[in-house]
Amino acid sequence: MKYDQVKVGVDPVIFTIFRNRLHVYLNKREKDPFIGLLELPGGLLVENESANDTIKRKLLEQFGDVYFKQFHTFTNPKRDPRFRVISIGFIALVPMEQIKNKDDIHEVQNLSRLAFDHLEIIKKAREEIKQNISTNALKKFMPDKFPLNKLQEVYEVLENKKYDNRNFRKKILSLDILEDTKEMEKKVSHRPAKLFKFNN
């Protein structure tokens, strides 16, 4: 049996919310293969690095401290035409204010051809975040205090679905992740709503 010489890389799917739409951070590839196509800002593990070390290095360089989690490993032997590369996929969530160049974000539902298998990676990450929204993920897109309708908007973007306002309120309060601040919205043109925050 012949064993391949295998390289290992990481591919972070960096999601952000812009104008109430889910976007992903992509770079334009500057070398072959797939020169000129958009790609995830990944890279290979270097000596003495774990996958988490590599992803931290990649994300810290551009965005500072962000939420991330590993979600899948991609092992198709043909995913890179040059050599065998196994890619460990990560989901990262970055608030829009931490992204310097808006030209680097692209609406997820409008993506077409990307380099390598990166479109497949993004689709799988999209499904993962729809099915498994954590409190840590939600916190990345919310201020310290917020009305429930703002939280509902974030849920709807991440899950790609619409909620009835009453049903959403009932669902979210049953999760016991929020605390009523006893404060109300200020300086709004509509009836002020209660403000909540995430509990510990």
N, C-alpha and C. Protein backbone atom coordinates (compact mmCIF):
# COMPACT_ATOMS: atom_id res chain seq x y z
N MET A 1 0.84 -1.20 0.00
CA MET A 1 0.00 0.00 0.00
C MET A 1 0.88 1.25 0.00
N LYS A 2 0.55 2.19 -0.88
CA LYS A 2 1.31 3.43 -0.98
C LYS A 2 0.62 4.52 -0.16
N TYR A 3 1.39 5.21 0.66
CA TYR A 3 0.86 6.30 1.47
C TYR A 3 1.25 7.64 0.86
N ASP A 4 0.27 8.54 0.74
CA ASP A 4 0.53 9.87 0.20
C ASP A 4 1.28 10.74 1.20
N GLN A 5 2.08 11.65 0.64
CA GLN A 5 2.62 12.74 1.46
C GLN A 5 1.51 13.79 1.56
N VAL A 6 1.00 14.00 2.74
CA VAL A 6 -0.19 14.84 2.91
C VAL A 6 0.17 16.13 3.65
N LYS A 7 -0.32 17.24 3.12
CA LYS A 7 -0.21 18.52 3.81
C LYS A 7 -1.53 18.80 4.51
N VAL A 8 -1.48 19.55 5.60
CA VAL A 8 -2.69 19.89 6.37
C VAL A 8 -2.83 21.39 6.44
N GLY A 9 -4.01 21.87 6.13
CA GLY A 9 -4.27 23.30 6.18
C GLY A 9 -5.53 23.61 6.98
N VAL A 10 -5.78 24.88 7.16
CA VAL A 10 -7.02 25.35 7.79
C VAL A 10 -7.73 26.30 6.83
N ASP A 11 -9.03 26.25 6.84
CA ASP A 11 -9.84 27.18 6.04
C ASP A 11 -10.90 27.80 6.94
N PRO A 12 -10.73 29.06 7.34
CA PRO A 12 -11.74 29.72 8.16
C PRO A 12 -12.85 30.32 7.31
N VAL A 13 -14.08 29.97 7.64
CA VAL A 13 -15.24 30.60 7.01
C VAL A 13 -15.65 31.75 7.94
N ILE A 14 -15.31 32.96 7.54
CA ILE A 14 -15.48 34.13 8.40
C ILE A 14 -16.80 34.81 8.05
N PHE A 15 -17.79 34.62 8.90
CA PHE A 15 -19.11 35.20 8.67
C PHE A 15 -19.23 36.54 9.37
N THR A 16 -19.95 37.45 8.73
CA THR A 16 -20.33 38.70 9.36
C THR A 16 -21.73 39.06 8.89
N ILE A 17 -22.38 39.97 9.59
CA ILE A 17 -23.71 40.44 9.20
C ILE A 17 -23.60 41.89 8.75
N PHE A 18 -24.05 42.14 7.54
CA PHE A 18 -24.00 43.48 6.96
C PHE A 18 -25.33 43.76 6.29
N ARG A 19 -25.97 44.86 6.71
CA ARG A 19 -27.28 45.24 6.17
C ARG A 19 -28.28 44.08 6.26
N ASN A 20 -28.27 43.42 7.40
CA ASN A 20 -29.18 42.31 7.69
C ASN A 20 -29.06 41.15 6.71
N ARG A 21 -27.87 40.96 6.17
CA ARG A 21 -27.59 39.82 5.30
C ARG A 21 -26.32 39.14 5.77
N LEU A 22 -26.26 37.83 5.61
CA LEU A 22 -25.07 37.09 5.99
C LEU A 22 -24.02 37.21 4.89
N HIS A 23 -22.82 37.63 5.29
CA HIS A 23 -21.71 37.77 4.36
C HIS A 23 -20.54 36.91 4.82
N VAL A 24 -19.64 36.64 3.88
CA VAL A 24 -18.44 35.87 4.20
C VAL A 24 -17.22 36.63 3.67
N TYR A 25 -16.13 36.53 4.41
CA TYR A 25 -14.90 37.24 4.06
C TYR A 25 -14.07 36.39 3.10
N LEU A 26 -13.71 36.97 1.94
CA LEU A 26 -12.95 36.24 0.92
C LEU A 26 -11.83 37.12 0.36
N ASN A 27 -10.75 36.47 -0.06
CA ASN A 27 -9.65 37.15 -0.74
C ASN A 27 -9.62 36.75 -2.20
N LYS A 28 -9.03 37.61 -3.05
CA LYS A 28 -8.82 37.23 -4.45
C LYS A 28 -7.48 36.50 -4.55
N ARG A 29 -7.51 35.33 -5.15
CA ARG A 29 -6.31 34.51 -5.26
C ARG A 29 -5.34 35.12 -6.27
N GLU A 30 -4.06 35.23 -5.89
CA GLU A 30 -3.07 35.93 -6.71
C GLU A 30 -2.09 34.99 -7.41
N LYS A 31 -2.29 33.68 -7.31
CA LYS A 31 -1.39 32.75 -7.99
C LYS A 31 -2.16 31.51 -8.42
N ASP A 32 -1.56 30.76 -9.32
CA ASP A 32 -2.16 29.50 -9.78
C ASP A 32 -2.07 28.46 -8.67
N PRO A 33 -2.97 27.48 -8.65
CA PRO A 33 -4.15 27.38 -9.52
C PRO A 33 -5.27 28.33 -9.08
N PHE A 34 -6.23 28.54 -9.96
CA PHE A 34 -7.43 29.36 -9.69
C PHE A 34 -7.10 30.84 -9.51
N ILE A 35 -6.03 31.32 -10.17
CA ILE A 35 -5.68 32.73 -10.05
C ILE A 35 -6.86 33.61 -10.44
N GLY A 36 -7.10 34.65 -9.66
CA GLY A 36 -8.19 35.59 -9.93
C GLY A 36 -9.51 35.25 -9.29
N LEU A 37 -9.67 34.00 -8.83
CA LEU A 37 -10.92 33.61 -8.17
C LEU A 37 -10.87 33.97 -6.68
N LEU A 38 -12.04 34.10 -6.09
CA LEU A 38 -12.11 34.36 -4.65
C LEU A 38 -11.86 33.07 -3.89
N GLU A 39 -11.25 33.21 -2.70
CA GLU A 39 -10.95 32.04 -1.87
C GLU A 39 -11.05 32.41 -0.40
N LEU A 40 -11.20 31.39 0.43
CA LEU A 40 -11.14 31.58 1.88
C LEU A 40 -9.70 31.90 2.29
N PRO A 41 -9.52 32.73 3.31
CA PRO A 41 -8.17 33.15 3.71
C PRO A 41 -7.47 32.12 4.60
N GLY A 42 -7.26 30.93 4.06
CA GLY A 42 -6.67 29.85 4.84
C GLY A 42 -5.17 29.77 4.69
N GLY A 43 -4.61 28.65 5.13
CA GLY A 43 -3.18 28.45 5.03
C GLY A 43 -2.80 27.10 5.61
N LEU A 44 -1.55 26.70 5.35
CA LEU A 44 -1.05 25.42 5.83
C LEU A 44 -0.50 25.56 7.24
N LEU A 45 -0.59 24.46 7.98
CA LEU A 45 0.04 24.42 9.30
C LEU A 45 1.55 24.46 9.13
N VAL A 46 2.22 25.25 9.94
CA VAL A 46 3.68 25.28 9.92
C VAL A 46 4.20 24.44 11.08
N GLU A 47 5.50 24.24 11.09
CA GLU A 47 6.11 23.36 12.09
C GLU A 47 5.75 23.78 13.51
N ASN A 48 5.40 22.79 14.32
CA ASN A 48 5.08 22.99 15.74
C ASN A 48 3.78 23.74 15.98
N GLU A 49 2.92 23.84 14.96
CA GLU A 49 1.61 24.47 15.13
C GLU A 49 0.51 23.42 15.13
N SER A 50 -0.46 23.60 16.02
CA SER A 50 -1.71 22.84 15.93
C SER A 50 -2.64 23.60 14.99
N ALA A 51 -3.76 22.98 14.64
CA ALA A 51 -4.74 23.66 13.79
C ALA A 51 -5.25 24.92 14.49
N ASN A 52 -5.50 24.83 15.80
CA ASN A 52 -5.97 26.00 16.54
C ASN A 52 -4.93 27.11 16.56
N ASP A 53 -3.64 26.75 16.66
CA ASP A 53 -2.58 27.75 16.62
C ASP A 53 -2.59 28.49 15.28
N THR A 54 -2.75 27.73 14.20
CA THR A 54 -2.74 28.33 12.86
C THR A 54 -3.93 29.25 12.67
N ILE A 55 -5.12 28.79 13.09
CA ILE A 55 -6.31 29.61 12.89
C ILE A 55 -6.23 30.88 13.73
N LYS A 56 -5.71 30.78 14.94
CA LYS A 56 -5.54 31.98 15.76
C LYS A 56 -4.60 32.96 15.09
N ARG A 57 -3.49 32.45 14.55
CA ARG A 57 -2.53 33.33 13.87
C ARG A 57 -3.19 34.02 12.68
N LYS A 58 -3.92 33.27 11.90
CA LYS A 58 -4.57 33.84 10.71
C LYS A 58 -5.60 34.90 11.08
N LEU A 59 -6.40 34.62 12.11
CA LEU A 59 -7.47 35.55 12.48
C LEU A 59 -6.96 36.75 13.24
N LEU A 60 -6.02 36.54 14.17
CA LEU A 60 -5.49 37.65 14.96
C LEU A 60 -4.80 38.67 14.08
N GLU A 61 -4.12 38.21 13.03
CA GLU A 61 -3.42 39.13 12.13
C GLU A 61 -4.37 40.16 11.53
N GLN A 62 -5.59 39.75 11.23
CA GLN A 62 -6.51 40.63 10.51
C GLN A 62 -7.63 41.22 11.36
N PHE A 63 -8.09 40.47 12.37
CA PHE A 63 -9.31 40.90 13.04
C PHE A 63 -9.19 41.05 14.56
N GLY A 64 -8.10 40.61 15.13
CA GLY A 64 -8.02 40.60 16.59
C GLY A 64 -8.71 39.37 17.14
N ASP A 65 -9.15 39.45 18.36
CA ASP A 65 -9.75 38.30 19.04
C ASP A 65 -11.18 38.09 18.54
N VAL A 66 -11.46 36.91 17.98
CA VAL A 66 -12.80 36.62 17.45
C VAL A 66 -13.24 35.23 17.92
N TYR A 67 -14.55 35.00 17.81
CA TYR A 67 -15.11 33.68 18.12
C TYR A 67 -14.86 32.75 16.95
N PHE A 68 -14.37 31.53 17.22
CA PHE A 68 -14.22 30.54 16.16
C PHE A 68 -14.41 29.14 16.73
N LYS A 69 -14.78 28.22 15.86
CA LYS A 69 -14.89 26.81 16.26
C LYS A 69 -14.65 25.92 15.04
N GLN A 70 -14.07 24.76 15.29
CA GLN A 70 -13.84 23.78 14.24
C GLN A 70 -15.16 23.08 13.93
N PHE A 71 -15.43 22.83 12.63
CA PHE A 71 -16.72 22.22 12.31
C PHE A 71 -16.65 21.02 11.38
N HIS A 72 -15.58 20.87 10.59
CA HIS A 72 -15.54 19.72 9.67
C HIS A 72 -14.12 19.60 9.09
N THR A 73 -13.77 18.38 8.67
CA THR A 73 -12.50 18.15 8.00
C THR A 73 -12.78 17.68 6.57
N PHE A 74 -12.11 18.31 5.61
CA PHE A 74 -12.35 18.05 4.19
C PHE A 74 -11.16 17.25 3.64
N THR A 75 -11.44 16.03 3.14
CA THR A 75 -10.38 15.10 2.80
C THR A 75 -10.40 14.61 1.35
N ASN A 76 -11.24 15.19 0.51
CA ASN A 76 -11.29 14.75 -0.90
C ASN A 76 -9.88 14.83 -1.50
N PRO A 77 -9.36 13.70 -2.02
CA PRO A 77 -7.98 13.71 -2.52
C PRO A 77 -7.77 14.62 -3.73
N LYS A 78 -8.84 15.05 -4.38
CA LYS A 78 -8.71 15.90 -5.57
C LYS A 78 -9.02 17.36 -5.28
N ARG A 79 -9.14 17.73 -4.01
CA ARG A 79 -9.58 19.11 -3.70
C ARG A 79 -8.51 20.14 -4.06
N ASP A 80 -7.25 19.74 -4.14
CA ASP A 80 -6.17 20.63 -4.58
C ASP A 80 -5.45 19.93 -5.72
N PRO A 81 -5.40 20.56 -6.92
CA PRO A 81 -4.79 19.88 -8.08
C PRO A 81 -3.28 19.73 -7.98
N ARG A 82 -2.63 20.39 -7.03
CA ARG A 82 -1.16 20.33 -6.93
C ARG A 82 -0.67 19.15 -6.11
N PHE A 83 -1.29 18.95 -4.96
CA PHE A 83 -0.86 17.90 -4.05
C PHE A 83 -1.99 17.61 -3.07
N ARG A 84 -1.83 16.56 -2.30
CA ARG A 84 -2.88 16.16 -1.36
C ARG A 84 -2.89 17.11 -0.16
N VAL A 85 -4.02 17.77 0.06
CA VAL A 85 -4.18 18.67 1.20
C VAL A 85 -5.46 18.33 1.94
N ILE A 86 -5.33 18.06 3.21
CA ILE A 86 -6.50 17.91 4.09
C ILE A 86 -6.76 19.26 4.72
N SER A 87 -7.98 19.72 4.66
CA SER A 87 -8.33 21.02 5.22
C SER A 87 -9.25 20.87 6.42
N ILE A 88 -8.88 21.52 7.50
CA ILE A 88 -9.71 21.57 8.70
C ILE A 88 -10.52 22.87 8.65
N GLY A 89 -11.82 22.73 8.58
CA GLY A 89 -12.69 23.90 8.44
C GLY A 89 -13.05 24.50 9.80
N PHE A 90 -13.00 25.81 9.86
CA PHE A 90 -13.40 26.55 11.06
C PHE A 90 -14.46 27.58 10.68
N ILE A 91 -15.39 27.80 11.59
CA ILE A 91 -16.32 28.92 11.48
C ILE A 91 -15.82 30.02 12.40
N ALA A 92 -15.72 31.23 11.86
CA ALA A 92 -15.36 32.39 12.67
C ALA A 92 -16.44 33.45 12.49
N LEU A 93 -16.76 34.15 13.57
CA LEU A 93 -17.78 35.20 13.54
C LEU A 93 -17.12 36.52 13.89
N VAL A 94 -17.23 37.48 12.98
CA VAL A 94 -16.56 38.77 13.14
C VAL A 94 -17.58 39.89 12.96
N PRO A 95 -17.75 40.74 13.96
CA PRO A 95 -18.65 41.89 13.78
C PRO A 95 -18.15 42.78 12.64
N MET A 96 -19.07 43.43 11.95
CA MET A 96 -18.73 44.22 10.78
C MET A 96 -17.73 45.33 11.10
N GLU A 97 -17.80 45.88 12.31
CA GLU A 97 -16.90 46.98 12.65
C GLU A 97 -15.44 46.55 12.76
N GLN A 98 -15.18 45.23 12.83
CA GLN A 98 -13.81 44.74 12.90
C GLN A 98 -13.24 44.43 11.51
N ILE A 99 -14.04 44.64 10.47
CA ILE A 99 -13.58 44.39 9.10
C ILE A 99 -13.28 45.73 8.44
N LYS A 100 -12.03 45.91 8.08
CA LYS A 100 -11.59 47.22 7.57
C LYS A 100 -12.07 47.48 6.15
N ASN A 101 -12.04 46.47 5.31
CA ASN A 101 -12.36 46.66 3.90
C ASN A 101 -13.65 45.94 3.54
N LYS A 102 -14.70 46.71 3.27
CA LYS A 102 -16.00 46.12 2.93
C LYS A 102 -15.98 45.40 1.59
N ASP A 103 -14.98 45.69 0.74
CA ASP A 103 -14.89 45.01 -0.55
C ASP A 103 -14.54 43.53 -0.39
N ASP A 104 -14.05 43.15 0.78
CA ASP A 104 -13.65 41.77 1.01
C ASP A 104 -14.79 40.89 1.52
N ILE A 105 -15.96 41.47 1.76
CA ILE A 105 -17.09 40.66 2.20
C ILE A 105 -18.07 40.47 1.05
N HIS A 106 -18.68 39.29 1.02
CA HIS A 106 -19.55 38.92 -0.10
C HIS A 106 -20.78 38.21 0.44
N GLU A 107 -21.94 38.61 -0.07
CA GLU A 107 -23.19 38.02 0.41
C GLU A 107 -23.21 36.53 0.08
N VAL A 108 -23.48 35.72 1.08
CA VAL A 108 -23.38 34.27 0.94
C VAL A 108 -24.29 33.75 -0.17
N GLN A 109 -25.51 34.25 -0.24
CA GLN A 109 -26.46 33.69 -1.20
C GLN A 109 -26.14 34.08 -2.65
N ASN A 110 -25.20 35.01 -2.85
CA ASN A 110 -24.84 35.43 -4.21
C ASN A 110 -23.54 34.81 -4.72
N LEU A 111 -22.94 33.91 -3.96
CA LEU A 111 -21.67 33.33 -4.37
C LEU A 111 -21.85 32.35 -5.53
N SER A 112 -20.84 32.32 -6.41
CA SER A 112 -20.87 31.34 -7.49
C SER A 112 -19.57 30.54 -7.47
N ARG A 113 -18.73 30.69 -8.48
CA ARG A 113 -17.51 29.88 -8.55
C ARG A 113 -16.42 30.46 -7.64
N LEU A 114 -15.81 29.61 -6.83
CA LEU A 114 -14.70 29.99 -5.97
C LEU A 114 -13.53 29.04 -6.22
N ALA A 115 -12.37 29.39 -5.67
CA ALA A 115 -11.19 28.54 -5.80
C ALA A 115 -11.38 27.24 -5.01
N PHE A 116 -10.71 26.18 -5.48
CA PHE A 116 -10.71 24.88 -4.81
C PHE A 116 -12.16 24.42 -4.52
N ASP A 117 -12.39 23.88 -3.33
CA ASP A 117 -13.73 23.45 -2.93
C ASP A 117 -14.34 24.41 -1.92
N HIS A 118 -13.94 25.68 -2.01
CA HIS A 118 -14.31 26.63 -0.97
C HIS A 118 -15.80 26.96 -0.94
N LEU A 119 -16.48 26.85 -2.08
CA LEU A 119 -17.93 27.04 -2.07
C LEU A 119 -18.60 25.92 -1.27
N GLU A 120 -18.14 24.70 -1.44
CA GLU A 120 -18.66 23.57 -0.67
C GLU A 120 -18.42 23.77 0.83
N ILE A 121 -17.22 24.26 1.17
CA ILE A 121 -16.89 24.50 2.58
C ILE A 121 -17.83 25.55 3.18
N ILE A 122 -18.08 26.62 2.43
CA ILE A 122 -18.96 27.68 2.92
C ILE A 122 -20.38 27.16 3.10
N LYS A 123 -20.87 26.37 2.15
CA LYS A 123 -22.23 25.81 2.26
C LYS A 123 -22.36 24.93 3.50
N LYS A 124 -21.33 24.12 3.77
CA LYS A 124 -21.38 23.24 4.93
C LYS A 124 -21.32 24.06 6.22
N ALA A 125 -20.52 25.13 6.22
CA ALA A 125 -20.46 26.02 7.38
C ALA A 125 -21.79 26.72 7.60
N ARG A 126 -22.44 27.08 6.50
CA ARG A 126 -23.75 27.74 6.59
C ARG A 126 -24.76 26.83 7.26
N GLU A 127 -24.77 25.56 6.87
CA GLU A 127 -25.70 24.62 7.48
C GLU A 127 -25.37 24.40 8.96
N GLU A 128 -24.10 24.35 9.27
CA GLU A 128 -23.68 24.16 10.66
C GLU A 128 -24.18 25.30 11.55
N ILE A 129 -24.04 26.51 11.08
CA ILE A 129 -24.43 27.65 11.92
C ILE A 129 -25.95 27.77 12.01
N LYS A 130 -26.66 27.33 10.97
CA LYS A 130 -28.12 27.32 11.03
C LYS A 130 -28.62 26.37 12.10
N GLN A 131 -27.95 25.23 12.23
CA GLN A 131 -28.41 24.19 13.13
C GLN A 131 -27.89 24.35 14.56
N ASN A 132 -26.80 25.07 14.73
CA ASN A 132 -26.14 25.11 16.03
C ASN A 132 -25.70 26.53 16.39
N ILE A 133 -26.67 27.37 16.71
CA ILE A 133 -26.34 28.74 17.13
C ILE A 133 -26.09 28.74 18.63
N SER A 134 -24.90 29.18 19.02
CA SER A 134 -24.56 29.23 20.44
C SER A 134 -24.70 30.65 20.97
N THR A 135 -24.77 30.76 22.28
CA THR A 135 -24.82 32.09 22.90
C THR A 135 -23.57 32.88 22.58
N ASN A 136 -22.42 32.21 22.57
CA ASN A 136 -21.17 32.91 22.23
C ASN A 136 -21.22 33.48 20.82
N ALA A 137 -21.86 32.76 19.91
CA ALA A 137 -22.00 33.26 18.54
C ALA A 137 -22.90 34.49 18.51
N LEU A 138 -24.01 34.42 19.20
CA LEU A 138 -24.94 35.55 19.20
C LEU A 138 -24.32 36.80 19.79
N LYS A 139 -23.53 36.62 20.83
CA LYS A 139 -22.92 37.78 21.50
C LYS A 139 -22.05 38.59 20.56
N LYS A 140 -21.48 37.94 19.56
CA LYS A 140 -20.60 38.64 18.63
C LYS A 140 -21.33 39.70 17.82
N PHE A 141 -22.64 39.54 17.67
CA PHE A 141 -23.39 40.44 16.82
C PHE A 141 -24.37 41.34 17.58
N MET A 142 -24.27 41.33 18.91
CA MET A 142 -25.21 42.10 19.71
C MET A 142 -24.47 43.09 20.61
N PRO A 143 -25.08 44.26 20.87
CA PRO A 143 -24.52 45.17 21.88
C PRO A 143 -24.75 44.60 23.27
N ASP A 144 -24.25 45.27 24.29
CA ASP A 144 -24.41 44.78 25.66
C ASP A 144 -25.87 44.69 26.07
N LYS A 145 -26.68 45.66 25.64
CA LYS A 145 -28.12 45.68 25.94
C LYS A 145 -28.89 45.84 24.64
N PHE A 146 -30.01 45.15 24.51
CA PHE A 146 -30.72 45.13 23.24
C PHE A 146 -32.18 44.76 23.43
N PRO A 147 -33.07 45.22 22.55
CA PRO A 147 -34.46 44.76 22.55
C PRO A 147 -34.54 43.40 21.85
N LEU A 148 -35.58 42.64 22.14
CA LEU A 148 -35.70 41.30 21.58
C LEU A 148 -35.80 41.31 20.05
N ASN A 149 -36.37 42.37 19.49
CA ASN A 149 -36.52 42.38 18.03
C ASN A 149 -35.16 42.44 17.32
N LYS A 150 -34.17 43.05 17.96
CA LYS A 150 -32.83 43.08 17.36
C LYS A 150 -32.18 41.70 17.41
N LEU A 151 -32.40 41.00 18.51
CA LEU A 151 -31.90 39.63 18.61
C LEU A 151 -32.60 38.74 17.59
N GLN A 152 -33.89 38.96 17.40
CA GLN A 152 -34.64 38.20 16.41
C GLN A 152 -34.05 38.38 15.01
N GLU A 153 -33.66 39.62 14.68
CA GLU A 153 -33.07 39.88 13.37
C GLU A 153 -31.80 39.06 13.16
N VAL A 154 -30.98 38.95 14.19
CA VAL A 154 -29.74 38.18 14.08
C VAL A 154 -30.05 36.70 13.91
N TYR A 155 -31.00 36.18 14.69
CA TYR A 155 -31.41 34.79 14.53
C TYR A 155 -31.89 34.53 13.11
N GLU A 156 -32.68 35.43 12.58
CA GLU A 156 -33.24 35.23 11.24
C GLU A 156 -32.15 35.22 10.17
N VAL A 157 -31.13 36.05 10.34
CA VAL A 157 -30.01 36.05 9.39
C VAL A 157 -29.22 34.76 9.49
N LEU A 158 -28.88 34.35 10.72
CA LEU A 158 -28.04 33.17 10.90
C LEU A 158 -28.77 31.88 10.53
N GLU A 159 -30.07 31.81 10.84
CA GLU A 159 -30.83 30.60 10.54
C GLU A 159 -31.51 30.63 9.17
N ASN A 160 -31.46 31.79 8.52
CA ASN A 160 -32.07 31.95 7.19
C ASN A 160 -33.55 31.58 7.21
N LYS A 161 -34.26 32.13 8.19
CA LYS A 161 -35.70 31.88 8.29
C LYS A 161 -36.36 33.06 9.00
N LYS A 162 -37.66 33.16 8.87
CA LYS A 162 -38.42 34.22 9.51
C LYS A 162 -39.17 33.66 10.72
N TYR A 163 -39.26 34.46 11.78
CA TYR A 163 -39.98 34.07 12.98
C TYR A 163 -41.19 34.98 13.19
N ASP A 164 -42.26 34.40 13.66
CA ASP A 164 -43.36 35.19 14.20
C ASP A 164 -42.87 35.83 15.49
N ASN A 165 -43.15 37.12 15.68
CA ASN A 165 -42.61 37.85 16.82
C ASN A 165 -42.96 37.19 18.16
N ARG A 166 -44.21 36.80 18.33
CA ARG A 166 -44.64 36.20 19.60
C ARG A 166 -43.97 34.85 19.83
N ASN A 167 -43.90 34.04 18.77
CA ASN A 167 -43.27 32.73 18.91
C ASN A 167 -41.79 32.86 19.24
N PHE A 168 -41.14 33.85 18.60
CA PHE A 168 -39.72 34.04 18.88
C PHE A 168 -39.51 34.45 20.34
N ARG A 169 -40.34 35.39 20.81
CA ARG A 169 -40.21 35.84 22.19
C ARG A 169 -40.37 34.67 23.17
N LYS A 170 -41.36 33.84 22.91
CA LYS A 170 -41.61 32.69 23.77
C LYS A 170 -40.42 31.73 23.73
N LYS A 171 -39.90 31.48 22.54
CA LYS A 171 -38.78 30.55 22.38
C LYS A 171 -37.53 31.07 23.10
N ILE A 172 -37.18 32.32 22.87
CA ILE A 172 -35.91 32.83 23.39
C ILE A 172 -35.94 32.97 24.91
N LEU A 173 -37.07 33.36 25.45
CA LEU A 173 -37.17 33.49 26.90
C LEU A 173 -37.15 32.14 27.59
N SER A 174 -37.61 31.09 26.89
CA SER A 174 -37.60 29.75 27.47
C SER A 174 -36.19 29.17 27.56
N LEU A 175 -35.24 29.74 26.80
CA LEU A 175 -33.86 29.23 26.81
C LEU A 175 -33.08 29.67 28.03
N ASP A 176 -33.59 30.66 28.74
CA ASP A 176 -32.97 31.15 29.96
C ASP A 176 -31.53 31.62 29.73
N ILE A 177 -31.33 32.34 28.61
CA ILE A 177 -30.00 32.90 28.33
C ILE A 177 -29.98 34.42 28.47
N LEU A 178 -31.19 35.01 28.73
CA LEU A 178 -31.29 36.47 28.80
C LEU A 178 -31.70 36.93 30.18
N GLU A 179 -31.38 38.17 30.45
CA GLU A 179 -31.74 38.80 31.71
C GLU A 179 -32.40 40.15 31.40
N ASP A 180 -33.53 40.42 32.01
CA ASP A 180 -34.22 41.69 31.85
C ASP A 180 -33.44 42.77 32.61
N THR A 181 -33.00 43.82 31.89
CA THR A 181 -32.21 44.87 32.54
C THR A 181 -33.07 45.87 33.30
N LYS A 182 -34.40 45.78 33.15
CA LYS A 182 -35.35 46.73 33.75
C LYS A 182 -35.20 48.12 33.13
N GLU A 183 -34.57 48.17 31.96
CA GLU A 183 -34.41 49.43 31.25
C GLU A 183 -35.21 49.39 29.95
N MET A 184 -35.45 50.58 29.39
CA MET A 184 -36.20 50.69 28.14
C MET A 184 -35.34 51.39 27.09
N GLU A 185 -35.70 51.16 25.83
CA GLU A 185 -35.03 51.90 24.75
C GLU A 185 -35.24 53.40 24.93
N LYS A 186 -34.29 54.17 24.44
CA LYS A 186 -34.38 55.62 24.51
C LYS A 186 -34.18 56.21 23.12
N LYS A 187 -34.78 57.36 22.92
CA LYS A 187 -34.63 58.11 21.67
C LYS A 187 -34.98 57.27 20.45
N VAL A 188 -36.13 56.63 20.50
CA VAL A 188 -36.62 55.86 19.35
C VAL A 188 -37.94 56.45 18.88
N SER A 189 -38.23 56.28 17.60
CA SER A 189 -39.44 56.88 17.02
C SER A 189 -40.67 56.02 17.26
N HIS A 190 -40.47 54.80 17.74
CA HIS A 190 -41.58 53.89 18.01
C HIS A 190 -41.72 53.71 19.52
N ARG A 191 -42.69 52.90 19.91
CA ARG A 191 -42.87 52.62 21.33
C ARG A 191 -41.63 51.95 21.90
N PRO A 192 -41.03 52.49 22.95
CA PRO A 192 -39.79 51.90 23.50
C PRO A 192 -40.02 50.46 23.96
N ALA A 193 -39.02 49.62 23.70
CA ALA A 193 -39.08 48.22 24.10
C ALA A 193 -38.15 47.95 25.26
N LYS A 194 -38.41 46.87 25.98
CA LYS A 194 -37.53 46.47 27.07
C LYS A 194 -36.16 46.11 26.53
N LEU A 195 -35.14 46.38 27.34
CA LEU A 195 -33.78 46.00 26.99
C LEU A 195 -33.34 44.76 27.77
N PHE A 196 -32.71 43.84 27.09
CA PHE A 196 -32.21 42.61 27.71
C PHE A 196 -30.70 42.54 27.54
N LYS A 197 -30.09 41.64 28.29
CA LYS A 197 -28.69 41.32 28.12
C LYS A 197 -28.50 39.83 28.33
N PHE A 198 -27.39 39.29 27.84
CA PHE A 198 -27.12 37.88 28.08
C PHE A 198 -26.71 37.67 29.52
N ASN A 199 -27.25 36.62 30.14
CA ASN A 199 -26.85 36.34 31.52
C ASN A 199 -25.55 35.56 31.53
N ASN A 200 -25.03 35.33 32.70
CA ASN A 200 -23.71 34.68 32.79
C ASN A 200 -23.78 33.18 32.54
